[in-house]
């Protein structure tokens, strides 16, 4: 049986961790890695490389944009529902009816105009801001993906244009603002909110 323990000594250990100065740090093409040096006591310096963690803000941005998009969708759906109800339609009747009889009343026109107004939820300014925030978030904030983002957005707008036989003025303005804001972000003038 052991009655005592003697002679245990602990050597103090110091650890230095620092990021190398700009220009001396190891860079990858996307600058996603940082080199760190760590030393314990008089031991040799050990270098390790790790990926910079992805910012959770991108996920939060995407979630917020999804919520805002759902809100806009619900408002638009409610506007159409109200228009149909005022004319005696229901969702069941819509499947059976010919829409030639459908009349858009002044209340629906006013509500739609408010939605696409400059300060409206579906106006060019707010819609372009949501598109740009989503594009930046989905790219992880990687500015090297600018051309890929622009190409995807351009393709989306062209598909809608082909479906509708043209784009309404508010959509044309939205497209123009999206491209301008992406360029501003690329040049460093715009950050993710």
N, C-alpha and C. Protein backbone atom coordinates (compact mmCIF):
# COMPACT_ATOMS: atom_id res chain seq x y z
N UNK A 1 0.84 -1.19 0.00
CA UNK A 1 0.00 0.00 0.00
C UNK A 1 0.88 1.25 0.00
N UNK A 2 0.50 2.23 -0.79
CA UNK A 2 1.27 3.46 -0.91
C UNK A 2 0.80 4.40 0.18
N UNK A 3 1.77 4.92 0.97
CA UNK A 3 1.42 5.81 2.07
C UNK A 3 1.64 7.27 1.71
N UNK A 4 2.50 7.55 0.74
CA UNK A 4 2.70 8.94 0.36
C UNK A 4 3.28 9.00 -1.05
N UNK A 5 3.16 10.18 -1.64
CA UNK A 5 3.70 10.43 -2.96
C UNK A 5 4.59 11.64 -2.83
N UNK A 6 5.83 11.50 -3.17
CA UNK A 6 6.79 12.59 -3.07
C UNK A 6 7.50 12.78 -4.40
N UNK A 7 8.08 13.93 -4.54
CA UNK A 7 8.96 14.16 -5.66
C UNK A 7 8.30 14.56 -6.97
N UNK A 8 7.05 14.93 -6.95
CA UNK A 8 6.41 15.37 -8.19
C UNK A 8 6.71 16.84 -8.39
N UNK A 9 7.24 17.15 -9.55
CA UNK A 9 7.53 18.54 -9.87
C UNK A 9 6.87 18.87 -11.21
N UNK A 10 6.37 20.07 -11.26
CA UNK A 10 5.79 20.53 -12.52
C UNK A 10 6.68 21.62 -13.08
N UNK A 11 6.97 21.50 -14.35
CA UNK A 11 7.75 22.54 -15.01
C UNK A 11 6.78 23.56 -15.58
N UNK A 12 7.01 24.84 -15.32
CA UNK A 12 6.11 25.84 -15.88
C UNK A 12 6.18 25.82 -17.41
N UNK A 13 5.05 25.98 -18.01
CA UNK A 13 4.99 25.94 -19.47
C UNK A 13 4.42 27.25 -19.97
N UNK A 14 5.08 27.84 -20.92
CA UNK A 14 4.55 29.06 -21.53
C UNK A 14 4.23 28.76 -22.98
N UNK A 15 3.23 29.43 -23.45
CA UNK A 15 2.82 29.18 -24.83
C UNK A 15 2.62 30.52 -25.51
N UNK A 16 3.20 30.67 -26.65
CA UNK A 16 3.03 31.89 -27.43
C UNK A 16 2.29 31.54 -28.71
N UNK A 17 1.23 32.26 -28.95
CA UNK A 17 0.49 32.07 -30.19
C UNK A 17 0.32 33.45 -30.80
N UNK A 18 0.73 33.62 -32.02
CA UNK A 18 0.56 34.90 -32.67
C UNK A 18 0.35 34.70 -34.17
N UNK A 19 -0.25 35.70 -34.75
CA UNK A 19 -0.46 35.69 -36.19
C UNK A 19 0.71 36.44 -36.81
N UNK A 20 1.24 35.92 -37.85
CA UNK A 20 2.35 36.60 -38.51
C UNK A 20 1.88 37.91 -39.10
N UNK A 21 2.77 38.85 -39.17
CA UNK A 21 2.46 40.17 -39.70
C UNK A 21 2.01 40.07 -41.15
N UNK A 22 1.20 41.02 -41.57
CA UNK A 22 0.70 41.06 -42.95
C UNK A 22 1.89 41.10 -43.89
N UNK A 23 1.79 40.36 -44.94
CA UNK A 23 2.88 40.29 -45.89
C UNK A 23 3.78 39.09 -45.61
N UNK A 24 3.80 38.63 -44.37
CA UNK A 24 4.61 37.49 -44.01
C UNK A 24 3.75 36.26 -43.76
N UNK A 25 2.44 36.46 -43.65
CA UNK A 25 1.58 35.31 -43.37
C UNK A 25 1.46 34.45 -44.62
N UNK A 26 1.27 33.18 -44.39
CA UNK A 26 1.11 32.26 -45.51
C UNK A 26 -0.27 32.47 -46.09
N UNK A 27 -0.34 32.73 -47.38
CA UNK A 27 -1.62 33.01 -48.02
C UNK A 27 -1.94 31.94 -49.04
N UNK A 28 -3.23 31.66 -49.16
CA UNK A 28 -3.70 30.79 -50.23
C UNK A 28 -4.39 31.71 -51.22
N UNK A 29 -4.74 31.20 -52.39
CA UNK A 29 -5.40 32.08 -53.37
C UNK A 29 -6.62 32.80 -52.82
N UNK A 30 -7.39 32.15 -51.98
CA UNK A 30 -8.58 32.80 -51.42
C UNK A 30 -8.29 33.37 -50.03
N UNK A 31 -7.00 33.34 -49.60
CA UNK A 31 -6.60 33.84 -48.29
C UNK A 31 -7.46 33.25 -47.19
N UNK A 32 -7.66 31.95 -47.24
CA UNK A 32 -8.53 31.29 -46.27
C UNK A 32 -7.74 30.63 -45.14
N UNK A 33 -6.42 30.66 -45.22
CA UNK A 33 -5.64 30.00 -44.19
C UNK A 33 -4.77 31.00 -43.46
N UNK A 34 -4.52 30.74 -42.18
CA UNK A 34 -3.65 31.57 -41.37
C UNK A 34 -2.62 30.66 -40.75
N UNK A 35 -1.38 31.09 -40.73
CA UNK A 35 -0.33 30.28 -40.13
C UNK A 35 -0.09 30.77 -38.71
N UNK A 36 0.01 29.84 -37.78
CA UNK A 36 0.19 30.17 -36.37
C UNK A 36 1.43 29.44 -35.88
N UNK A 37 2.23 30.13 -35.04
CA UNK A 37 3.39 29.49 -34.44
C UNK A 37 3.11 29.31 -32.95
N UNK A 38 3.42 28.15 -32.42
CA UNK A 38 3.23 27.88 -31.00
C UNK A 38 4.51 27.28 -30.45
N UNK A 39 4.94 27.74 -29.27
CA UNK A 39 6.16 27.21 -28.66
C UNK A 39 5.90 26.93 -27.19
N UNK A 40 6.40 25.82 -26.69
CA UNK A 40 6.31 25.49 -25.27
C UNK A 40 7.73 25.49 -24.73
N UNK A 41 7.98 26.36 -23.72
CA UNK A 41 9.31 26.51 -23.13
C UNK A 41 10.37 26.76 -24.19
N UNK A 42 11.43 26.00 -24.15
CA UNK A 42 12.54 26.19 -25.08
C UNK A 42 12.45 25.24 -26.27
N UNK A 43 11.30 24.62 -26.43
CA UNK A 43 11.15 23.67 -27.54
C UNK A 43 11.10 24.41 -28.87
N UNK A 44 11.30 23.65 -29.89
CA UNK A 44 11.30 24.21 -31.24
C UNK A 44 9.90 24.74 -31.58
N UNK A 45 9.86 25.82 -32.35
CA UNK A 45 8.60 26.42 -32.77
C UNK A 45 7.89 25.46 -33.72
N UNK A 46 6.62 25.24 -33.47
CA UNK A 46 5.82 24.36 -34.32
C UNK A 46 4.83 25.21 -35.09
N UNK A 47 4.79 25.03 -36.39
CA UNK A 47 3.88 25.81 -37.23
C UNK A 47 2.68 24.94 -37.61
N UNK A 48 1.51 25.53 -37.48
CA UNK A 48 0.28 24.84 -37.90
C UNK A 48 -0.53 25.79 -38.76
N UNK A 49 -1.32 25.25 -39.63
CA UNK A 49 -2.17 26.06 -40.50
C UNK A 49 -3.60 25.59 -40.32
N UNK A 50 -4.51 26.55 -40.26
CA UNK A 50 -5.93 26.21 -40.11
C UNK A 50 -6.76 27.12 -40.99
N UNK A 51 -7.92 26.65 -41.37
CA UNK A 51 -8.86 27.47 -42.15
C UNK A 51 -9.53 28.47 -41.23
N UNK A 52 -9.73 29.67 -41.75
CA UNK A 52 -10.50 30.65 -40.99
C UNK A 52 -11.92 30.13 -40.87
N UNK A 53 -12.53 30.23 -39.69
CA UNK A 53 -13.90 29.73 -39.55
C UNK A 53 -14.87 30.57 -40.37
N UNK A 54 -15.87 29.90 -40.94
CA UNK A 54 -16.92 30.61 -41.68
C UNK A 54 -17.72 31.43 -40.68
N UNK A 55 -18.06 32.62 -41.07
CA UNK A 55 -18.81 33.47 -40.17
C UNK A 55 -20.26 33.04 -40.11
N UNK A 56 -20.78 32.97 -38.89
CA UNK A 56 -22.17 32.59 -38.69
C UNK A 56 -23.10 33.69 -39.20
N UNK A 57 -22.54 34.89 -39.43
CA UNK A 57 -23.38 35.99 -39.90
C UNK A 57 -24.00 35.69 -41.25
N UNK A 58 -23.31 34.90 -42.09
CA UNK A 58 -23.87 34.54 -43.39
C UNK A 58 -25.13 33.71 -43.20
N UNK A 59 -25.10 32.78 -42.27
CA UNK A 59 -26.27 31.95 -41.99
C UNK A 59 -27.41 32.81 -41.44
N UNK A 60 -27.07 33.74 -40.58
CA UNK A 60 -28.09 34.64 -40.02
C UNK A 60 -28.69 35.51 -41.12
N UNK A 61 -27.85 35.98 -42.02
CA UNK A 61 -28.33 36.81 -43.13
C UNK A 61 -29.30 36.02 -44.00
N UNK A 62 -28.93 34.80 -44.33
CA UNK A 62 -29.80 33.97 -45.16
C UNK A 62 -31.12 33.70 -44.47
N UNK A 63 -31.08 33.41 -43.16
CA UNK A 63 -32.32 33.16 -42.41
C UNK A 63 -33.20 34.40 -42.38
N UNK A 64 -32.59 35.57 -42.17
CA UNK A 64 -33.36 36.82 -42.14
C UNK A 64 -33.97 37.12 -43.51
N UNK A 65 -33.22 36.88 -44.57
CA UNK A 65 -33.74 37.11 -45.92
C UNK A 65 -34.87 36.15 -46.25
N UNK A 66 -34.74 34.92 -45.79
CA UNK A 66 -35.80 33.94 -46.02
C UNK A 66 -37.09 34.38 -45.31
N UNK A 67 -36.94 34.86 -44.09
CA UNK A 67 -38.10 35.33 -43.32
C UNK A 67 -38.75 36.54 -44.01
N UNK A 68 -37.93 37.46 -44.47
CA UNK A 68 -38.44 38.65 -45.16
C UNK A 68 -39.12 38.28 -46.48
N UNK A 69 -38.56 37.32 -47.17
CA UNK A 69 -39.14 36.85 -48.43
C UNK A 69 -40.50 36.20 -48.18
N UNK A 70 -40.59 35.42 -47.13
CA UNK A 70 -41.86 34.79 -46.77
C UNK A 70 -42.91 35.84 -46.45
N UNK A 71 -42.50 36.89 -45.76
CA UNK A 71 -43.42 37.98 -45.43
C UNK A 71 -43.94 38.65 -46.71
N UNK A 72 -43.04 38.92 -47.64
CA UNK A 72 -43.44 39.55 -48.91
C UNK A 72 -44.38 38.64 -49.69
N UNK A 73 -44.08 37.35 -49.69
CA UNK A 73 -44.94 36.39 -50.39
C UNK A 73 -46.34 36.38 -49.77
N UNK A 74 -46.40 36.35 -48.45
CA UNK A 74 -47.70 36.33 -47.78
C UNK A 74 -48.50 37.59 -48.08
N UNK A 75 -47.84 38.74 -48.12
CA UNK A 75 -48.54 39.99 -48.44
C UNK A 75 -49.10 39.95 -49.86
N UNK A 76 -48.32 39.47 -50.79
CA UNK A 76 -48.76 39.39 -52.17
C UNK A 76 -49.91 38.38 -52.31
N UNK A 77 -49.78 37.26 -51.66
CA UNK A 77 -50.84 36.24 -51.70
C UNK A 77 -52.13 36.80 -51.10
N UNK A 78 -52.01 37.51 -49.99
CA UNK A 78 -53.19 38.09 -49.35
C UNK A 78 -53.85 39.12 -50.28
N UNK A 79 -53.05 39.91 -50.96
CA UNK A 79 -53.59 40.89 -51.90
C UNK A 79 -54.42 40.20 -52.99
N UNK A 80 -53.89 39.12 -53.55
CA UNK A 80 -54.60 38.39 -54.60
C UNK A 80 -55.86 37.73 -54.04
N UNK A 81 -55.74 37.13 -52.86
CA UNK A 81 -56.91 36.49 -52.23
C UNK A 81 -58.03 37.50 -52.02
N UNK A 82 -57.68 38.66 -51.49
CA UNK A 82 -58.69 39.70 -51.22
C UNK A 82 -59.35 40.15 -52.53
N UNK A 83 -58.55 40.32 -53.57
CA UNK A 83 -59.09 40.72 -54.87
C UNK A 83 -60.10 39.68 -55.36
N UNK A 84 -59.74 38.43 -55.26
CA UNK A 84 -60.63 37.36 -55.72
C UNK A 84 -61.90 37.28 -54.88
N UNK A 85 -61.77 37.41 -53.57
CA UNK A 85 -62.93 37.34 -52.68
C UNK A 85 -63.90 38.48 -52.95
N UNK A 86 -63.36 39.67 -53.23
CA UNK A 86 -64.24 40.81 -53.51
C UNK A 86 -65.07 40.58 -54.78
N UNK A 87 -64.60 39.68 -55.62
CA UNK A 87 -65.33 39.39 -56.86
C UNK A 87 -66.07 38.05 -56.80
N UNK A 88 -66.15 37.49 -55.59
CA UNK A 88 -66.91 36.26 -55.41
C UNK A 88 -66.16 34.98 -55.76
N UNK A 89 -64.86 35.06 -55.88
CA UNK A 89 -64.06 33.87 -56.18
C UNK A 89 -63.53 33.25 -54.89
N UNK A 90 -63.26 31.96 -54.93
CA UNK A 90 -62.53 31.28 -53.87
C UNK A 90 -61.46 30.44 -54.56
N UNK A 91 -60.54 29.87 -53.80
CA UNK A 91 -59.47 29.08 -54.41
C UNK A 91 -60.05 27.89 -55.18
N UNK A 92 -61.12 27.31 -54.67
CA UNK A 92 -61.75 26.18 -55.37
C UNK A 92 -62.35 26.62 -56.70
N UNK A 93 -63.00 27.79 -56.69
CA UNK A 93 -63.63 28.28 -57.92
C UNK A 93 -62.60 28.69 -58.97
N UNK A 94 -61.44 29.08 -58.51
CA UNK A 94 -60.40 29.54 -59.44
C UNK A 94 -60.02 28.42 -60.41
N UNK A 95 -59.98 27.21 -59.92
CA UNK A 95 -59.61 26.07 -60.76
C UNK A 95 -60.60 25.86 -61.90
N UNK A 96 -61.86 26.25 -61.67
CA UNK A 96 -62.92 26.00 -62.64
C UNK A 96 -63.19 27.20 -63.54
N UNK A 97 -62.87 28.39 -63.09
CA UNK A 97 -63.28 29.62 -63.78
C UNK A 97 -62.30 30.05 -64.86
N UNK A 98 -62.84 30.81 -65.76
CA UNK A 98 -62.05 31.47 -66.79
C UNK A 98 -61.71 32.86 -66.26
N UNK A 99 -60.46 33.25 -66.32
CA UNK A 99 -60.05 34.52 -65.73
C UNK A 99 -60.37 35.73 -66.59
N UNK A 100 -60.99 35.52 -67.72
CA UNK A 100 -61.40 36.65 -68.55
C UNK A 100 -62.41 37.53 -67.81
N UNK A 101 -63.16 36.93 -66.90
CA UNK A 101 -64.18 37.67 -66.15
C UNK A 101 -63.56 38.47 -64.99
N UNK A 102 -62.37 38.15 -64.62
CA UNK A 102 -61.73 38.77 -63.46
C UNK A 102 -61.40 40.23 -63.74
N UNK A 103 -61.82 41.09 -62.84
CA UNK A 103 -61.55 42.53 -62.94
C UNK A 103 -60.64 42.94 -61.78
N UNK A 104 -59.65 43.73 -62.07
CA UNK A 104 -58.77 44.23 -61.01
C UNK A 104 -59.33 45.56 -60.56
N UNK A 105 -59.75 45.60 -59.29
CA UNK A 105 -60.39 46.82 -58.77
C UNK A 105 -59.35 47.83 -58.29
N UNK A 106 -59.83 49.04 -58.00
CA UNK A 106 -58.93 50.13 -57.61
C UNK A 106 -58.20 49.84 -56.30
N UNK A 107 -58.83 49.14 -55.38
CA UNK A 107 -58.18 48.81 -54.11
C UNK A 107 -56.97 47.90 -54.36
N UNK A 108 -57.13 46.90 -55.20
CA UNK A 108 -56.02 45.99 -55.51
C UNK A 108 -54.89 46.73 -56.22
N UNK A 109 -55.27 47.64 -57.10
CA UNK A 109 -54.26 48.43 -57.82
C UNK A 109 -53.46 49.28 -56.84
N UNK A 110 -54.15 49.93 -55.90
CA UNK A 110 -53.47 50.77 -54.90
C UNK A 110 -52.54 49.94 -54.02
N UNK A 111 -53.02 48.76 -53.59
CA UNK A 111 -52.20 47.89 -52.74
C UNK A 111 -50.97 47.38 -53.50
N UNK A 112 -51.15 47.02 -54.75
CA UNK A 112 -50.03 46.54 -55.56
C UNK A 112 -49.02 47.67 -55.80
N UNK A 113 -49.52 48.86 -56.08
CA UNK A 113 -48.62 50.01 -56.28
C UNK A 113 -47.82 50.31 -55.03
N UNK A 114 -48.46 50.16 -53.85
CA UNK A 114 -47.75 50.40 -52.59
C UNK A 114 -46.64 49.36 -52.39
N UNK A 115 -46.91 48.13 -52.78
CA UNK A 115 -45.90 47.08 -52.63
C UNK A 115 -44.67 47.32 -53.51
N UNK A 116 -44.87 47.84 -54.72
CA UNK A 116 -43.73 48.04 -55.62
C UNK A 116 -43.22 49.48 -55.65
N UNK A 117 -43.76 50.32 -54.78
CA UNK A 117 -43.28 51.71 -54.69
C UNK A 117 -41.81 51.71 -54.26
N UNK A 118 -41.15 52.87 -54.39
CA UNK A 118 -39.73 52.96 -54.03
C UNK A 118 -39.44 52.44 -52.63
N UNK A 119 -40.32 52.75 -51.67
CA UNK A 119 -40.11 52.30 -50.30
C UNK A 119 -40.93 51.05 -49.97
N UNK A 120 -41.57 50.45 -50.98
CA UNK A 120 -42.39 49.26 -50.78
C UNK A 120 -41.56 48.01 -50.59
N UNK A 121 -42.15 47.03 -49.95
CA UNK A 121 -41.47 45.78 -49.67
C UNK A 121 -40.98 45.08 -50.94
N UNK A 122 -41.72 45.22 -52.02
CA UNK A 122 -41.32 44.62 -53.29
C UNK A 122 -40.79 45.65 -54.29
N UNK A 123 -40.44 46.83 -53.79
CA UNK A 123 -39.87 47.88 -54.63
C UNK A 123 -38.45 47.52 -55.04
N UNK A 124 -37.94 48.23 -56.03
CA UNK A 124 -36.61 47.93 -56.58
C UNK A 124 -35.50 48.03 -55.53
N UNK A 125 -35.56 49.05 -54.68
CA UNK A 125 -34.49 49.26 -53.69
C UNK A 125 -34.41 48.11 -52.69
N UNK A 126 -35.53 47.79 -52.06
CA UNK A 126 -35.53 46.74 -51.04
C UNK A 126 -35.30 45.36 -51.65
N UNK A 127 -35.86 45.12 -52.80
CA UNK A 127 -35.67 43.82 -53.45
C UNK A 127 -34.22 43.64 -53.88
N UNK A 128 -33.62 44.68 -54.44
CA UNK A 128 -32.21 44.58 -54.85
C UNK A 128 -31.31 44.37 -53.64
N UNK A 129 -31.64 45.01 -52.53
CA UNK A 129 -30.85 44.84 -51.31
C UNK A 129 -30.91 43.39 -50.83
N UNK A 130 -32.10 42.80 -50.86
CA UNK A 130 -32.24 41.40 -50.44
C UNK A 130 -31.47 40.46 -51.38
N UNK A 131 -31.55 40.71 -52.66
CA UNK A 131 -30.84 39.86 -53.63
C UNK A 131 -29.33 39.95 -53.39
N UNK A 132 -28.81 41.15 -53.21
CA UNK A 132 -27.38 41.34 -53.00
C UNK A 132 -26.94 40.72 -51.67
N UNK A 133 -27.70 40.93 -50.62
CA UNK A 133 -27.34 40.33 -49.33
C UNK A 133 -27.32 38.81 -49.43
N UNK A 134 -28.29 38.25 -50.13
CA UNK A 134 -28.32 36.80 -50.31
C UNK A 134 -27.10 36.33 -51.12
N UNK A 135 -26.80 37.03 -52.19
CA UNK A 135 -25.67 36.66 -53.04
C UNK A 135 -24.35 36.70 -52.25
N UNK A 136 -24.17 37.74 -51.47
CA UNK A 136 -22.94 37.86 -50.67
C UNK A 136 -22.89 36.75 -49.62
N UNK A 137 -24.01 36.51 -48.97
CA UNK A 137 -24.05 35.48 -47.93
C UNK A 137 -23.81 34.09 -48.51
N UNK A 138 -24.45 33.80 -49.63
CA UNK A 138 -24.32 32.47 -50.23
C UNK A 138 -22.91 32.22 -50.75
N UNK A 139 -22.20 33.30 -51.10
CA UNK A 139 -20.81 33.16 -51.58
C UNK A 139 -19.83 33.11 -50.41
N UNK A 140 -20.33 33.29 -49.20
CA UNK A 140 -19.44 33.32 -48.04
C UNK A 140 -18.63 34.60 -47.98
N UNK A 141 -19.09 35.61 -48.70
CA UNK A 141 -18.37 36.88 -48.72
C UNK A 141 -17.12 36.85 -49.60
N UNK A 142 -17.00 35.83 -50.43
CA UNK A 142 -15.83 35.65 -51.29
C UNK A 142 -15.98 36.49 -52.55
N UNK A 143 -15.23 37.58 -52.61
CA UNK A 143 -15.33 38.51 -53.73
C UNK A 143 -14.83 37.91 -55.05
N UNK A 144 -14.06 36.85 -54.97
CA UNK A 144 -13.59 36.22 -56.21
C UNK A 144 -14.74 35.55 -56.96
N UNK A 145 -15.89 35.42 -56.33
CA UNK A 145 -17.06 34.79 -56.96
C UNK A 145 -18.00 35.81 -57.60
N UNK A 146 -17.57 37.05 -57.71
CA UNK A 146 -18.42 38.11 -58.26
C UNK A 146 -19.01 37.74 -59.62
N UNK A 147 -18.17 37.33 -60.54
CA UNK A 147 -18.65 37.03 -61.90
C UNK A 147 -19.64 35.87 -61.89
N UNK A 148 -19.40 34.90 -61.06
CA UNK A 148 -20.32 33.76 -60.94
C UNK A 148 -21.68 34.21 -60.38
N UNK A 149 -21.64 35.08 -59.38
CA UNK A 149 -22.88 35.62 -58.80
C UNK A 149 -23.65 36.43 -59.84
N UNK A 150 -22.94 37.31 -60.54
CA UNK A 150 -23.59 38.14 -61.56
C UNK A 150 -24.20 37.29 -62.66
N UNK A 151 -23.50 36.24 -63.07
CA UNK A 151 -24.01 35.36 -64.13
C UNK A 151 -25.28 34.64 -63.68
N UNK A 152 -25.30 34.18 -62.44
CA UNK A 152 -26.49 33.49 -61.92
C UNK A 152 -27.68 34.44 -61.83
N UNK A 153 -27.44 35.66 -61.36
CA UNK A 153 -28.51 36.65 -61.25
C UNK A 153 -29.00 37.04 -62.64
N UNK A 154 -28.08 37.25 -63.55
CA UNK A 154 -28.44 37.59 -64.93
C UNK A 154 -29.30 36.49 -65.55
N UNK A 155 -28.91 35.25 -65.33
CA UNK A 155 -29.67 34.10 -65.86
C UNK A 155 -31.09 34.09 -65.29
N UNK A 156 -31.21 34.33 -63.98
CA UNK A 156 -32.53 34.35 -63.35
C UNK A 156 -33.44 35.43 -63.93
N UNK A 157 -32.90 36.63 -64.09
CA UNK A 157 -33.70 37.72 -64.67
C UNK A 157 -34.08 37.42 -66.12
N UNK A 158 -33.15 36.84 -66.88
CA UNK A 158 -33.45 36.51 -68.29
C UNK A 158 -34.54 35.44 -68.39
N UNK A 159 -34.52 34.47 -67.49
CA UNK A 159 -35.55 33.43 -67.50
C UNK A 159 -36.93 34.02 -67.22
N UNK A 160 -36.99 34.93 -66.26
CA UNK A 160 -38.27 35.59 -65.95
C UNK A 160 -38.71 36.44 -67.14
N UNK A 161 -37.77 37.14 -67.73
CA UNK A 161 -38.08 37.97 -68.90
C UNK A 161 -38.66 37.12 -70.04
N UNK A 162 -38.08 35.96 -70.27
CA UNK A 162 -38.58 35.06 -71.32
C UNK A 162 -39.97 34.53 -70.98
N UNK A 163 -40.20 34.21 -69.71
CA UNK A 163 -41.51 33.71 -69.29
C UNK A 163 -42.60 34.76 -69.47
N UNK A 164 -42.27 36.00 -69.12
CA UNK A 164 -43.26 37.07 -69.15
C UNK A 164 -43.30 37.81 -70.48
N UNK A 165 -42.34 37.56 -71.33
CA UNK A 165 -42.27 38.30 -72.59
C UNK A 165 -41.73 39.70 -72.39
N UNK A 166 -40.98 39.91 -71.34
CA UNK A 166 -40.40 41.21 -71.00
C UNK A 166 -40.44 41.41 -69.50
N UNK A 167 -39.72 42.39 -69.03
CA UNK A 167 -39.70 42.70 -67.60
C UNK A 167 -40.38 44.03 -67.35
N UNK A 168 -41.18 44.10 -66.27
CA UNK A 168 -41.76 45.39 -65.91
C UNK A 168 -40.66 46.36 -65.48
N UNK A 169 -40.98 47.62 -65.47
CA UNK A 169 -40.01 48.66 -65.12
C UNK A 169 -39.38 48.42 -63.75
N UNK A 170 -40.18 48.01 -62.76
CA UNK A 170 -39.65 47.79 -61.41
C UNK A 170 -38.60 46.67 -61.42
N UNK A 171 -38.79 45.67 -62.25
CA UNK A 171 -37.82 44.57 -62.34
C UNK A 171 -36.55 45.02 -63.05
N UNK A 172 -36.69 45.84 -64.07
CA UNK A 172 -35.52 46.38 -64.77
C UNK A 172 -34.68 47.24 -63.82
N UNK A 173 -35.36 48.06 -63.03
CA UNK A 173 -34.67 48.91 -62.05
C UNK A 173 -33.99 48.05 -60.98
N UNK A 174 -34.68 46.99 -60.55
CA UNK A 174 -34.12 46.07 -59.55
C UNK A 174 -32.83 45.45 -60.08
N UNK A 175 -32.86 44.98 -61.31
CA UNK A 175 -31.68 44.36 -61.93
C UNK A 175 -30.51 45.35 -61.97
N UNK A 176 -30.80 46.56 -62.40
CA UNK A 176 -29.77 47.60 -62.48
C UNK A 176 -29.16 47.86 -61.10
N UNK A 177 -30.00 47.98 -60.08
CA UNK A 177 -29.51 48.23 -58.72
C UNK A 177 -28.70 47.05 -58.18
N UNK A 178 -29.13 45.83 -58.48
CA UNK A 178 -28.40 44.65 -58.03
C UNK A 178 -26.98 44.67 -58.58
N UNK A 179 -26.84 44.92 -59.87
CA UNK A 179 -25.52 44.92 -60.49
C UNK A 179 -24.64 46.06 -59.94
N UNK A 180 -25.24 47.22 -59.70
CA UNK A 180 -24.49 48.34 -59.12
C UNK A 180 -24.02 48.00 -57.71
N UNK A 181 -24.90 47.43 -56.91
CA UNK A 181 -24.56 47.10 -55.51
C UNK A 181 -23.52 45.99 -55.43
N UNK A 182 -23.59 45.04 -56.34
CA UNK A 182 -22.56 44.00 -56.36
C UNK A 182 -21.19 44.60 -56.68
N UNK A 183 -21.15 45.53 -57.62
CA UNK A 183 -19.89 46.20 -57.95
C UNK A 183 -19.37 47.01 -56.76
N UNK A 184 -20.27 47.70 -56.06
CA UNK A 184 -19.87 48.46 -54.87
C UNK A 184 -19.30 47.53 -53.81
N UNK A 185 -19.93 46.39 -53.61
CA UNK A 185 -19.44 45.41 -52.64
C UNK A 185 -18.05 44.93 -53.05
N UNK A 186 -17.89 44.62 -54.33
CA UNK A 186 -16.62 44.13 -54.84
C UNK A 186 -15.50 45.16 -54.64
N UNK A 187 -15.84 46.42 -54.85
CA UNK A 187 -14.86 47.49 -54.69
C UNK A 187 -14.60 47.82 -53.22
N UNK A 188 -15.38 47.21 -52.33
CA UNK A 188 -15.16 47.41 -50.90
C UNK A 188 -16.03 48.46 -50.27
N UNK A 189 -16.99 48.99 -51.01
CA UNK A 189 -17.85 50.06 -50.49
C UNK A 189 -19.07 49.55 -49.74
N UNK A 190 -19.32 48.24 -49.76
CA UNK A 190 -20.53 47.72 -49.13
C UNK A 190 -20.19 46.48 -48.32
N UNK A 191 -20.68 46.43 -47.11
CA UNK A 191 -20.49 45.28 -46.24
C UNK A 191 -21.82 44.59 -46.02
N UNK A 192 -21.78 43.34 -45.59
CA UNK A 192 -23.00 42.62 -45.23
C UNK A 192 -23.55 43.22 -43.96
N UNK A 193 -24.83 43.45 -43.94
CA UNK A 193 -25.46 44.00 -42.73
C UNK A 193 -25.86 42.89 -41.80
